[in-house]
Structure formats: C-alpha cells, structure tokens
Amino acid sequence: MTYDICELLSAYEPPENTSGPGVDMARLRESVARAVAADSTGARRRRKLRRTLLIAAACAAALSLTALAAAALGGFDWLRETVKPGFIDVVEPVERSVTVEGIEAEAIAAQQYGDRAICYVSLRDTAGQGRVNAGTSIRVVRTSGGLRGDSGVFDEGSGRLLYEFQATQAYGESYENGDVTLYLADILYNEREIDFRCGGLNLASAARGAFGRLADVPGSDGAYIAGLSLEGDVLSVQVAQDMSAPVEYRFRPYLLGPGGETIESDSSVSAVTPLDRFLRPRGWDEGGTIAIMQYSIYGVEPDMLDEYTLCLGGMSWQAVRGDWVLHIDFGSTPEPIEAVADVSSGGVVFEDSQITLTPLYLHMEGYSAGYRFDKNDIMALPAYLETDGGRVELEPDSAPVIPMDYEDPDGNYFVTWNAAAAVGLDAVRAIVIGDTRIETA
C-alpha cells in the first residue's frame, strides 16, 4: 500500500503561534498513525487541500528566500576568496543586480576615489542556457564619463563572468559622495566565423550607383546589401543589419575572382546610419532598428566587376538584446595623500604642481605661467612610490593635457599614472616623479 505524504501531513494541525516551539513530533506521529489506520479500514477523510498547499508554498518560499540570501552574500565572498582581484582591499560590497532575459548583471563591489570609481561587475545566466561563458562579451558599456576595463574573467564553478571597470568623471568633476551609473547594452556569445557569398548580385550596376534593398545576404539573419557605388578603383559596399535581431555581425566584405583570387576591403568602416552612444540607430526607441555600415574595397578594375562575386566574411554572435542599468551609490572614502611641489625632470620644472595619490592612481596637475614645455616633457615623466614593502611602479594613464599655444603657453595641464594593484596609503613613504622626491610620512 502506498500513501500520499501530503494526505498524511494534512491531518496534522500545526500550532497557531508559528514563532513558538518547533514541531511536536509526538503529535505528528499520532496524526500520521490515525491517517494510516483510517485508510486501512476504508474510512475516507476530506483532504485539507488548502492547508496542504499553504504548507508547500511556505516551504517553497522559505527555500527561495534562503537561496536568494545565499546568492546575495556569495557575490562579495566569491570575489574575495575565488577571484582575488588586485583592488579587493579598497572596494566595498554593493551586491546590486538587474536581470534581463535571464541574464543577471550584478555590481558586486565598488568604491570611488576623487574623479575615478572602480566597479566589479559580473554576468550570470540565471536560466542555465550557457549564454555566459569565457567567450561572452558586452557589446557596449557606458557611463556618464570615461571608462576603462578588462576583457572579463570567467569562473566556471560559479558560472560568473567578471569585469573590472574604472570609470572617470569629466575633468574637474568628482564622484565624491555621489554615484555612478553603468549602462550595459546587449550580451554577445557563441562567436563564429562567417563567409557569405552574394552570388547573382550585379556588381556592374555599382558603376551607376545603386541603393535600397539590393539583395539579401544568403544565410544571414536579416542582413542585406543596401548600396553599391564605384569611384575610380574604389568599390563602396553598404551592408544593413537589424540591431534587434538575435544575431549580430561584424562584416568584412571582399571580392572573389573567377580564379579564387580575392580583393580585400580596407579596415576602415563608416556608419551611414547615425548611431547613438550605444551604437544603435538613432530613433531606436521609435522602432528604427536598421543600421547601415559602409566599407571600401580598393584596387577594383571596373571592367572586371562582372567576373567577381561579392562576399561577406567576418564574425557573428548570438545576441541577448536588452539594457542592464546599474546605479551604484558611494559613501565617504579615505582621504587621499595631497601635496604641492615643484616637479623637475631633465631641466624642465613644473612649478607648484598639485599632487594627489589614491589607492588607484597618482595625479599631477598645474597651471603653466609663462614657461614652455611640450607633450614629450610630461609623457617622459617616470613616477613610482616608495613604500614599506618596496618600490611600486606606476604606468601613465593616457596622453596628458598641456597648453599647446606656444605664443601664449599659459594654461592647465595634468597627467595621471595608474597602479596595477591597490596602493595602501598608510604604507607610502614617498612619491617620486621625475627627479623630485616628495615625502609623505
């Protein structure tokens, strides 16, 4: 004989005060025994279906809450214990997430220092469809200012793809006690090489110029040839694709000759369709999803066009379309090390330069007052730190800003050097820039 566990449990009357003592096992055993005895004698009991469902729902809800709590607590612990990134000691837990189409983007940890914010963001496929892996990428990432980041590190055990982003505000602005918003647009995965051949397309018509939906790209998901034109020995090819389609392409047009010879396109590409900051067609919100790009193929012999076939090589990705928006709030942060000094290097002196050191970077800026220097003077400036643990090298961030008018050289300049890992400010004993050593303790 078999028994329905829900039938047996429905006979048990739980205590009214669920916050009191736990389950009375003696009463439970008695209830189950009575139910078994009643069933063996042919007696029928009305099933308390509603109570059974409530018990099951409560159990399911408790399990769900437990799983969510584990996931929320696991993000930062996973970051610290498994990935161990270089700046883990200078960020704070955020664990704020958004899920679109089953892909979760989570801001695990972040912190801001002056005009820069560092954020650790992970992607995870909550639907278990394998869309997040080592080959997954974010098509576009934006903030209100500048952004630099890595290519992503995949942890197979957790199914997370981790990115480290460092966002910078515009010059003169600061994140201090503020926030940053990360905008992620479209997730790409399953990268493949493509090679489509547009046989039957009349390339000779390019000499006259032809535009519109000239021919669909065979084997593609909605891509088509949107224009052909010829100027001298340069063939311009316009290719359109639907940016809302589940496949995205990076095309590389070329011509295939009758003997198998090829004429490749130039690496440059231009947008015929105006694009927004997410590289989508302007008017996206109003349904304008078609993007047209133009490519140039040099060295074409106009009289031979009829003998060539237009081909589209390149790459394709499966695409999860959507926007993941993460708002990250920052609180107060440790004070940076600041100093004002005359910095010299090879005979050039930068007077009254303002020096700022944070756990992420070293920054120098100033105002030139009638003395001349050029870009190379600043770019050649070496910088490092003397710490309790030894010498810490710093790398220039980007091209510095300097006054370029040598007739009137007055103006602001600045340069930034990045740390490869978190700098413990308490351990810094001196900042060295060029020939100048600035003691900090």
Foldseek 3Di string as FASTA:
>chain_A
DDDDVLQQVQQQDDDPPPVDDDDDVVSSVVSSVVVVVCVVVVHDDDGPVVVSVVVVVVVVVVVVVVVVVCVQVVLLVCCCPPVNAQANVAWDADFDWDDDPQKIKTFGIKAFDWFKIKTKIKIARRVPPPLQDPFKAFLDKDKQADKDKDGWDADVVVRITIMIMMGGHPPPDTCAQHWIKMKTWKMWDDKDKDKFWDPPQDLLCQCVKDAAQRDAGPPDDAKGWGIWHDDDQKIKTKIKDFQVDQKDWDWWKWKAAPVRDIFTWDPDKAWPADADNSRAGPCVVVPPGMTMMMIMTGDHDSVCSRRIIMMIIGMMTGIDGDMIMDMGGHHHHDAWQWDFAWADAPHDTDHRWIWTDFQWKIKTKDWDDLDDDDQCRVQVKFKWFQFPVGIFGWAWDDRKDAQDDNVGRTDMIMTMTTGSGTDDRVGTQWIDIHPDIGGRD
